[in-house]
C-alpha atoms as a PDB file:
ATOM      1  CA  UNK A   1      82.312  69.912  48.173  1.00  0.00           C
ATOM      2  CA  UNK A   2      80.978  72.813  46.699  1.00  0.00           C
ATOM      3  CA  UNK A   3      83.313  74.566  44.945  1.00  0.00           C
ATOM      4  CA  UNK A   4      83.466  78.251  43.371  1.00  0.00           C
ATOM      5  CA  UNK A   5      85.530  79.624  40.237  1.00  0.00           C
ATOM      6  CA  UNK A   6      85.933  82.867  39.922  1.00  0.00           C
ATOM      7  CA  UNK A   7      86.914  83.700  36.456  1.00  0.00           C
ATOM      8  CA  UNK A   8      88.554  86.635  35.645  1.00  0.00           C
ATOM      9  CA  UNK A   9      89.171  86.412  31.890  1.00  0.00           C
ATOM     10  CA  UNK A  10      87.558  89.020  29.504  1.00  0.00           C
ATOM     11  CA  UNK A  11      88.304  86.264  26.796  1.00  0.00           C
ATOM     12  CA  UNK A  12      85.934  83.385  27.326  1.00  0.00           C
ATOM     13  CA  UNK A  13      88.144  80.717  25.585  1.00  0.00           C
ATOM     14  CA  UNK A  14      91.060  82.128  26.938  1.00  0.00           C
ATOM     15  CA  UNK A  15      94.260  80.081  28.145  1.00  0.00           C
ATOM     16  CA  UNK A  16      92.854  80.821  32.224  1.00  0.00           C
ATOM     17  CA  UNK A  17      89.684  79.617  31.059  1.00  0.00           C
ATOM     18  CA  UNK A  18      90.839  76.170  29.809  1.00  0.00           C
ATOM     19  CA  UNK A  19      93.056  75.600  32.790  1.00  0.00           C
ATOM     20  CA  UNK A  20      90.149  76.355  34.568  1.00  0.00           C
ATOM     21  CA  UNK A  21      87.988  74.259  32.441  1.00  0.00           C
ATOM     22  CA  UNK A  22      90.074  70.922  33.209  1.00  0.00           C
ATOM     23  CA  UNK A  23      90.180  72.242  36.774  1.00  0.00           C
ATOM     24  CA  UNK A  24      86.184  71.319  36.861  1.00  0.00           C
ATOM     25  CA  UNK A  25      86.666  68.328  35.170  1.00  0.00           C
ATOM     26  CA  UNK A  26      88.763  66.756  37.515  1.00  0.00           C
ATOM     27  CA  UNK A  27      86.874  68.167  40.147  1.00  0.00           C
ATOM     28  CA  UNK A  28      83.201  66.911  38.648  1.00  0.00           C
ATOM     29  CA  UNK A  29      85.229  63.496  38.138  1.00  0.00           C
ATOM     30  CA  UNK A  30      86.166  63.772  41.862  1.00  0.00           C
ATOM     31  CA  UNK A  31      82.364  63.972  43.045  1.00  0.00           C
ATOM     32  CA  UNK A  32      82.464  67.837  43.737  1.00  0.00           C
ATOM     33  CA  UNK A  33      80.213  70.196  43.305  1.00  0.00           C
ATOM     34  CA  UNK A  34      81.646  72.884  40.652  1.00  0.00           C
ATOM     35  CA  UNK A  35      80.326  76.911  39.639  1.00  0.00           C
ATOM     36  CA  UNK A  36      81.577  79.396  38.319  1.00  0.00           C
ATOM     37  CA  UNK A  37      81.124  83.465  38.489  1.00  0.00           C
ATOM     38  CA  UNK A  38      82.103  85.482  35.351  1.00  0.00           C
ATOM     39  CA  UNK A  39      83.821  88.411  36.708  1.00  0.00           C
ATOM     40  CA  UNK A  40      84.642  89.897  33.297  1.00  0.00           C
ATOM     41  CA  UNK A  41      81.180  89.661  32.201  1.00  0.00           C
ATOM     42  CA  UNK A  42      79.490  90.662  34.747  1.00  0.00           C
ATOM     43  CA  UNK A  43      77.280  93.772  35.853  1.00  0.00           C
ATOM     44  CA  UNK A  44      80.134  94.823  38.875  1.00  0.00           C
ATOM     45  CA  UNK A  45      81.120  98.046  40.127  1.00  0.00           C
ATOM     46  CA  UNK A  46      84.436  98.866  42.057  1.00  0.00           C
ATOM     47  CA  UNK A  47      84.112  98.951  45.583  1.00  0.00           C
ATOM     48  CA  UNK A  48      83.980 102.620  46.463  1.00  0.00           C
ATOM     49  CA  UNK A  49      85.375 102.366  50.057  1.00  0.00           C
ATOM     50  CA  UNK A  50      82.948 103.683  51.387  1.00  0.00           C
ATOM     51  CA  UNK A  51      83.079 101.295  54.474  1.00  0.00           C
ATOM     52  CA  UNK A  52      79.093 102.369  54.757  1.00  0.00           C
ATOM     53  CA  UNK A  53      78.707  97.906  54.911  1.00  0.00           C
ATOM     54  CA  UNK A  54      80.485  98.199  57.750  1.00  0.00           C
ATOM     55  CA  UNK A  55      83.057  95.480  56.576  1.00  0.00           C
ATOM     56  CA  UNK A  56      79.906  92.816  56.361  1.00  0.00           C
ATOM     57  CA  UNK A  57      77.164  94.212  54.145  1.00  0.00           C
ATOM     58  CA  UNK A  58      74.792  94.744  53.010  1.00  0.00           C
ATOM     59  CA  UNK A  59      76.934  96.564  50.054  1.00  0.00           C
ATOM     60  CA  UNK A  60      75.426 100.347  49.009  1.00  0.00           C
ATOM     61  CA  UNK A  61      76.091  99.605  45.449  1.00  0.00           C
ATOM     62  CA  UNK A  62      73.030  96.884  43.984  1.00  0.00           C
ATOM     63  CA  UNK A  63      74.612  95.336  40.780  1.00  0.00           C
ATOM     64  CA  UNK A  64      75.151  91.485  40.678  1.00  0.00           C
ATOM     65  CA  UNK A  65      77.570  91.023  43.374  1.00  0.00           C
ATOM     66  CA  UNK A  66      73.703  90.767  45.234  1.00  0.00           C
ATOM     67  CA  UNK A  67      73.195  87.685  43.642  1.00  0.00           C
ATOM     68  CA  UNK A  68      77.374  86.654  43.826  1.00  0.00           C
ATOM     69  CA  UNK A  69      77.419  87.120  47.734  1.00  0.00           C
ATOM     70  CA  UNK A  70      75.596  84.030  48.308  1.00  0.00           C
ATOM     71  CA  UNK A  71      76.915  82.191  46.036  1.00  0.00           C
ATOM     72  CA  UNK A  72      81.006  82.978  47.428  1.00  0.00           C
ATOM     73  CA  UNK A  73      78.558  82.652  51.388  1.00  0.00           C
ATOM     74  CA  UNK A  74      77.896  79.231  50.382  1.00  0.00           C
ATOM     75  CA  UNK A  75      80.948  77.613  48.525  1.00  0.00           C
ATOM     76  CA  UNK A  76      83.853  75.421  50.166  1.00  0.00           C
ATOM     77  CA  UNK A  77      86.106  76.335  48.133  1.00  0.00           C
ATOM     78  CA  UNK A  78      86.769  79.888  45.984  1.00  0.00           C
ATOM     79  CA  UNK A  79      89.173  79.342  42.940  1.00  0.00           C
ATOM     80  CA  UNK A  80      90.874  82.355  41.371  1.00  0.00           C
ATOM     81  CA  UNK A  81      91.407  82.032  37.355  1.00  0.00           C
ATOM     82  CA  UNK A  82      92.569  85.227  36.015  1.00  0.00           C
ATOM     83  CA  UNK A  83      95.086  85.795  32.762  1.00  0.00           C
ATOM     84  CA  UNK A  84      98.167  87.571  33.819  1.00  0.00           C
ATOM     85  CA  UNK A  85      98.349  90.964  31.565  1.00  0.00           C
ATOM     86  CA  UNK A  86     100.463  92.780  33.480  1.00  0.00           C
ATOM     87  CA  UNK A  87     101.761  90.902  36.562  1.00  0.00           C
ATOM     88  CA  UNK A  88      98.763  90.562  38.465  1.00  0.00           C
ATOM     89  CA  UNK A  89      95.247  89.497  38.273  1.00  0.00           C
ATOM     90  CA  UNK A  90      92.872  91.276  35.481  1.00  0.00           C
ATOM     91  CA  UNK A  91      90.984  93.951  36.804  1.00  0.00           C
ATOM     92  CA  UNK A  92      88.039  92.301  36.196  1.00  0.00           C
ATOM     93  CA  UNK A  93      88.899  89.698  39.091  1.00  0.00           C
ATOM     94  CA  UNK A  94      90.629  92.221  40.969  1.00  0.00           C
ATOM     95  CA  UNK A  95      86.771  94.123  40.308  1.00  0.00           C
ATOM     96  CA  UNK A  96      85.468  91.245  42.195  1.00  0.00           C
ATOM     97  CA  UNK A  97      87.500  90.968  45.538  1.00  0.00           C
ATOM     98  CA  UNK A  98      87.790  93.830  46.008  1.00  0.00           C
ATOM     99  CA  UNK A  99      84.150  94.105  46.918  1.00  0.00           C
ATOM    100  CA  UNK A 100      84.791  91.071  49.050  1.00  0.00           C
ATOM    101  CA  UNK A 101      85.321  93.945  51.469  1.00  0.00           C
ATOM    102  CA  UNK A 102      81.293  93.480  52.337  1.00  0.00           C
ATOM    103  CA  UNK A 103      81.481  90.220  53.117  1.00  0.00           C
ATOM    104  CA  UNK A 104      84.972  90.189  54.370  1.00  0.00           C
ATOM    105  CA  UNK A 105      83.815  88.535  57.864  1.00  0.00           C
ATOM    106  CA  UNK A 106      81.819  86.586  56.494  1.00  0.00           C
ATOM    107  CA  UNK A 107      84.115  84.579  54.184  1.00  0.00           C
ATOM    108  CA  UNK A 108      87.142  84.258  57.343  1.00  0.00           C
ATOM    109  CA  UNK A 109      84.241  82.588  59.642  1.00  0.00           C
ATOM    110  CA  UNK A 110      83.946  79.366  56.240  1.00  0.00           C
ATOM    111  CA  UNK A 111      88.275  78.769  56.415  1.00  0.00           C
ATOM    112  CA  UNK A 112      87.062  77.314  52.476  1.00  0.00           C
ATOM    113  CA  UNK A 113      90.084  76.221  50.267  1.00  0.00           C
ATOM    114  CA  UNK A 114      91.074  77.671  47.720  1.00  0.00           C
ATOM    115  CA  UNK A 115      93.937  78.058  44.462  1.00  0.00           C
ATOM    116  CA  UNK A 116      94.745  80.015  41.864  1.00  0.00           C
ATOM    117  CA  UNK A 117      94.953  79.778  38.437  1.00  0.00           C
ATOM    118  CA  UNK A 118      97.066  81.446  35.873  1.00  0.00           C
ATOM    119  CA  UNK A 119      97.880  81.882  32.346  1.00  0.00           C
ATOM    120  CA  UNK A 120     100.707  84.006  30.879  1.00  0.00           C
ATOM    121  CA  UNK A 121     102.468  84.601  27.770  1.00  0.00           C
ATOM    122  CA  UNK A 122     105.587  85.442  29.481  1.00  0.00           C
ATOM    123  CA  UNK A 123     107.783  82.005  30.076  1.00  0.00           C
ATOM    124  CA  UNK A 124     109.955  83.974  32.711  1.00  0.00           C
ATOM    125  CA  UNK A 125     111.233  82.553  35.698  1.00  0.00           C
ATOM    126  CA  UNK A 126     109.506  85.783  38.126  1.00  0.00           C
ATOM    127  CA  UNK A 127     107.044  86.222  35.510  1.00  0.00           C
ATOM    128  CA  UNK A 128     103.925  85.456  38.489  1.00  0.00           C
ATOM    129  CA  UNK A 129     106.428  86.713  41.784  1.00  0.00           C
ATOM    130  CA  UNK A 130     103.402  89.609  42.185  1.00  0.00           C
ATOM    131  CA  UNK A 131     100.565  87.866  41.138  1.00  0.00           C
ATOM    132  CA  UNK A 132     101.480  84.938  43.637  1.00  0.00           C
ATOM    133  CA  UNK A 133     102.234  86.889  46.766  1.00  0.00           C
ATOM    134  CA  UNK A 134      98.909  88.726  45.771  1.00  0.00           C
ATOM    135  CA  UNK A 135      97.343  85.107  45.937  1.00  0.00           C
ATOM    136  CA  UNK A 136      99.729  83.976  49.430  1.00  0.00           C
ATOM    137  CA  UNK A 137      98.347  87.606  51.170  1.00  0.00           C
ATOM    138  CA  UNK A 138      94.691  86.989  50.337  1.00  0.00           C
ATOM    139  CA  UNK A 139      95.077  83.057  51.532  1.00  0.00           C
ATOM    140  CA  UNK A 140      96.246  84.640  54.588  1.00  0.00           C
ATOM    141  CA  UNK A 141      94.359  87.382  55.461  1.00  0.00           C
ATOM    142  CA  UNK A 142      91.205  85.844  54.756  1.00  0.00           C
ATOM    143  CA  UNK A 143      91.774  82.612  56.910  1.00  0.00           C
ATOM    144  CA  UNK A 144      92.040  79.880  53.623  1.00  0.00           C
ATOM    145  CA  UNK A 145      93.195  76.890  52.965  1.00  0.00           C
ATOM    146  CA  UNK A 146      95.337  77.019  50.455  1.00  0.00           C
ATOM    147  CA  UNK A 147      95.015  73.999  47.789  1.00  0.00           C
ATOM    148  CA  UNK A 148      97.735  75.134  45.174  1.00  0.00           C
ATOM    149  CA  UNK A 149      98.353  77.315  41.724  1.00  0.00           C
ATOM    150  CA  UNK A 150      99.050  76.080  38.320  1.00  0.00           C
ATOM    151  CA  UNK A 151     100.781  79.036  36.847  1.00  0.00           C
ATOM    152  CA  UNK A 152     100.875  78.097  32.827  1.00  0.00           C
ATOM    153  CA  UNK A 153     103.954  80.715  31.773  1.00  0.00           C
ATOM    154  CA  UNK A 154     103.935  80.865  27.908  1.00  0.00           C
ATOM    155  CA  UNK A 155     100.989  79.482  27.625  1.00  0.00           C
ATOM    156  CA  UNK A 156     100.151  83.229  24.874  1.00  0.00           C
ATOM    157  CA  UNK A 157      97.337  80.933  23.204  1.00  0.00           C
ATOM    158  CA  UNK A 158      94.716  78.510  23.899  1.00  0.00           C
ATOM    159  CA  UNK A 159      96.834  76.412  21.501  1.00  0.00           C
ATOM    160  CA  UNK A 160      99.539  76.712  23.274  1.00  0.00           C
ATOM    161  CA  UNK A 161      98.351  76.051  26.822  1.00  0.00           C
ATOM    162  CA  UNK A 162      96.318  73.237  25.522  1.00  0.00           C
ATOM    163  CA  UNK A 163      99.567  71.619  23.874  1.00  0.00           C
ATOM    164  CA  UNK A 164     101.422  72.570  27.488  1.00  0.00           C
ATOM    165  CA  UNK A 165     101.613  70.655  30.744  1.00  0.00           C
ATOM    166  CA  UNK A 166      99.593  72.966  32.215  1.00  0.00           C
ATOM    167  CA  UNK A 167      95.864  72.037  31.747  1.00  0.00           C
ATOM    168  CA  UNK A 168      97.266  68.252  32.982  1.00  0.00           C
ATOM    169  CA  UNK A 169      98.144  70.302  35.928  1.00  0.00           C
ATOM    170  CA  UNK A 170      94.957  72.237  36.535  1.00  0.00           C
ATOM    171  CA  UNK A 171      93.302  68.827  35.740  1.00  0.00           C
ATOM    172  CA  UNK A 172      95.195  66.630  38.961  1.00  0.00           C
ATOM    173  CA  UNK A 173      94.991  69.658  40.984  1.00  0.00           C
ATOM    174  CA  UNK A 174      90.915  69.639  40.096  1.00  0.00           C
ATOM    175  CA  UNK A 175      90.864  65.178  40.443  1.00  0.00           C
ATOM    176  CA  UNK A 176      93.007  65.522  43.980  1.00  0.00           C
ATOM    177  CA  UNK A 177      90.567  68.002  45.895  1.00  0.00           C
END
Protein backbone atom coordinates (compact mmCIF):
# COMPACT_ATOMS: atom_id res chain seq x y z
CA UNK A 1 0.00 0.00 0.00
CA UNK A 2 1.17 3.53 -0.77
CA UNK A 3 0.85 5.53 2.48
CA UNK A 4 1.18 9.31 2.65
CA UNK A 5 1.94 10.94 5.99
CA UNK A 6 0.64 14.52 6.31
CA UNK A 7 2.69 16.12 9.09
CA UNK A 8 1.55 19.40 10.57
CA UNK A 9 4.05 20.10 13.33
CA UNK A 10 6.29 23.16 13.16
CA UNK A 11 8.62 21.23 15.48
CA UNK A 12 10.35 18.68 13.23
CA UNK A 13 11.39 16.56 16.20
CA UNK A 14 8.30 16.99 18.33
CA UNK A 15 6.00 14.47 19.94
CA UNK A 16 3.57 14.09 17.06
CA UNK A 17 6.42 13.49 14.60
CA UNK A 18 7.83 10.88 16.99
CA UNK A 19 4.49 9.06 16.71
CA UNK A 20 4.68 9.41 12.92
CA UNK A 21 8.18 7.92 12.89
CA UNK A 22 6.96 4.88 14.82
CA UNK A 23 3.94 4.46 12.55
CA UNK A 24 6.25 4.68 9.52
CA UNK A 25 8.61 2.07 11.00
CA UNK A 26 5.71 -0.33 11.55
CA UNK A 27 4.19 0.28 8.12
CA UNK A 28 7.52 -0.22 6.33
CA UNK A 29 8.15 -3.43 8.27
CA UNK A 30 4.73 -4.60 7.04
CA UNK A 31 5.91 -3.99 3.46
CA UNK A 32 4.20 -0.70 2.70
CA UNK A 33 5.66 2.28 0.87
CA UNK A 34 5.57 5.46 2.97
CA UNK A 35 6.23 9.06 2.03
CA UNK A 36 5.82 12.28 3.99
CA UNK A 37 4.48 15.75 3.27
CA UNK A 38 5.78 18.25 5.82
CA UNK A 39 2.93 20.74 5.65
CA UNK A 40 4.42 22.90 8.40
CA UNK A 41 7.53 23.70 6.37
CA UNK A 42 5.99 23.74 2.90
CA UNK A 43 5.21 26.74 0.77
CA UNK A 44 1.44 26.56 1.10
CA UNK A 45 -1.08 29.37 0.97
CA UNK A 46 -4.48 29.14 2.66
CA UNK A 47 -7.51 28.35 0.53
CA UNK A 48 -9.25 31.60 -0.36
CA UNK A 49 -12.62 29.97 -0.95
CA UNK A 50 -12.79 31.40 -4.47
CA UNK A 51 -13.94 27.98 -5.79
CA UNK A 52 -12.46 28.72 -9.22
CA UNK A 53 -11.21 25.14 -8.95
CA UNK A 54 -14.79 23.94 -9.13
CA UNK A 55 -13.82 21.49 -6.37
CA UNK A 56 -11.74 19.56 -8.86
CA UNK A 57 -8.84 21.85 -9.72
CA UNK A 58 -6.67 23.26 -10.80
CA UNK A 59 -6.23 25.73 -7.97
CA UNK A 60 -5.45 29.29 -9.00
CA UNK A 61 -2.70 29.45 -6.39
CA UNK A 62 0.69 28.26 -7.54
CA UNK A 63 2.54 26.82 -4.57
CA UNK A 64 3.66 23.44 -3.18
CA UNK A 65 0.12 22.10 -3.45
CA UNK A 66 0.75 21.54 -7.15
CA UNK A 67 3.31 18.87 -6.19
CA UNK A 68 1.30 17.58 -3.23
CA UNK A 69 -1.77 17.06 -5.41
CA UNK A 70 -0.10 14.20 -7.27
CA UNK A 71 1.25 12.64 -4.08
CA UNK A 72 -2.17 12.77 -2.42
CA UNK A 73 -3.97 11.31 -5.41
CA UNK A 74 -1.46 8.46 -5.76
CA UNK A 75 -1.82 7.52 -2.09
CA UNK A 76 -3.92 4.64 -0.87
CA UNK A 77 -3.84 5.90 2.71
CA UNK A 78 -3.59 9.36 4.28
CA UNK A 79 -2.24 9.65 7.82
CA UNK A 80 -2.99 12.97 9.50
CA UNK A 81 -0.29 13.88 12.04
CA UNK A 82 -0.68 16.92 14.27
CA UNK A 83 0.28 18.28 17.63
CA UNK A 84 -2.72 19.41 19.63
CA UNK A 85 -1.96 22.97 20.64
CA UNK A 86 -5.43 24.38 21.05
CA UNK A 87 -7.90 21.50 20.78
CA UNK A 88 -7.81 21.04 17.04
CA UNK A 89 -5.33 20.17 14.31
CA UNK A 90 -2.42 22.54 13.85
CA UNK A 91 -2.92 25.52 11.57
CA UNK A 92 -0.21 24.11 9.31
CA UNK A 93 -2.06 20.83 8.75
CA UNK A 94 -5.41 22.60 8.48
CA UNK A 95 -3.98 24.76 5.68
CA UNK A 96 -3.14 21.62 3.72
CA UNK A 97 -6.51 19.99 4.45
CA UNK A 98 -8.37 23.13 3.36
CA UNK A 99 -6.57 22.94 0.03
CA UNK A 100 -8.20 19.53 -0.55
CA UNK A 101 -11.02 21.72 -1.89
CA UNK A 102 -9.45 21.62 -5.37
CA UNK A 103 -9.14 17.80 -5.37
CA UNK A 104 -12.18 16.96 -3.30
CA UNK A 105 -13.95 14.68 -5.78
CA UNK A 106 -10.74 12.90 -6.73
CA UNK A 107 -9.99 12.07 -3.10
CA UNK A 108 -13.53 10.84 -2.53
CA UNK A 109 -13.42 8.57 -5.60
CA UNK A 110 -10.22 6.91 -4.32
CA UNK A 111 -11.81 5.45 -1.15
CA UNK A 112 -8.51 5.76 0.68
CA UNK A 113 -7.70 4.48 4.13
CA UNK A 114 -6.82 6.99 6.84
CA UNK A 115 -5.50 7.34 10.38
CA UNK A 116 -4.89 10.12 12.88
CA UNK A 117 -1.81 10.55 15.08
CA UNK A 118 -1.67 13.35 17.62
CA UNK A 119 0.11 14.33 20.81
CA UNK A 120 -0.88 16.86 23.44
CA UNK A 121 0.51 18.16 26.70
CA UNK A 122 -2.90 18.03 28.33
CA UNK A 123 -4.07 14.66 29.69
CA UNK A 124 -7.70 15.49 30.53
CA UNK A 125 -10.18 12.94 29.18
CA UNK A 126 -11.80 15.55 26.90
CA UNK A 127 -8.55 16.85 25.39
CA UNK A 128 -8.99 15.27 21.95
CA UNK A 129 -12.79 15.52 21.55
CA UNK A 130 -12.82 18.36 19.00
CA UNK A 131 -9.89 16.96 16.99
CA UNK A 132 -11.42 13.47 16.90
CA UNK A 133 -14.77 14.91 15.81
CA UNK A 134 -13.08 16.90 13.02
CA UNK A 135 -11.18 13.82 11.88
CA UNK A 136 -14.35 11.69 11.87
CA UNK A 137 -16.06 14.40 9.81
CA UNK A 138 -13.22 14.31 7.24
CA UNK A 139 -13.43 10.52 7.13
CA UNK A 140 -17.15 10.68 6.46
CA UNK A 141 -17.03 13.55 3.97
CA UNK A 142 -14.07 12.23 1.96
CA UNK A 143 -15.29 8.61 2.12
CA UNK A 144 -12.12 7.46 3.88
CA UNK A 145 -11.76 4.10 5.61
CA UNK A 146 -10.67 4.90 9.16
CA UNK A 147 -7.93 2.57 10.36
CA UNK A 148 -7.63 4.16 13.79
CA UNK A 149 -6.27 6.92 15.95
CA UNK A 150 -3.38 7.27 18.36
CA UNK A 151 -4.07 10.19 20.67
CA UNK A 152 -1.11 10.78 22.94
CA UNK A 153 -2.45 12.59 25.99
CA UNK A 154 0.15 13.94 28.41
CA UNK A 155 2.90 13.99 25.78
CA UNK A 156 4.25 17.49 26.34
CA UNK A 157 7.80 16.77 25.27
CA UNK A 158 9.39 14.18 22.99
CA UNK A 159 11.06 12.64 26.05
CA UNK A 160 7.67 12.28 27.77
CA UNK A 161 6.19 10.82 24.61
CA UNK A 162 9.05 8.34 24.15
CA UNK A 163 8.42 6.97 27.66
CA UNK A 164 4.66 6.68 27.11
CA UNK A 165 2.65 3.84 25.55
CA UNK A 166 1.80 5.92 22.48
CA UNK A 167 4.86 5.23 20.28
CA UNK A 168 4.16 1.49 20.61
CA UNK A 169 0.53 2.11 19.66
CA UNK A 170 1.59 4.10 16.59
CA UNK A 171 4.05 1.37 15.59
CA UNK A 172 1.37 -1.31 16.04
CA UNK A 173 -1.13 0.68 13.95
CA UNK A 174 1.38 0.94 11.10
CA UNK A 175 2.46 -2.70 11.42
CA UNK A 176 -1.06 -4.15 11.38
CA UNK A 177 -2.04 -2.59 8.06
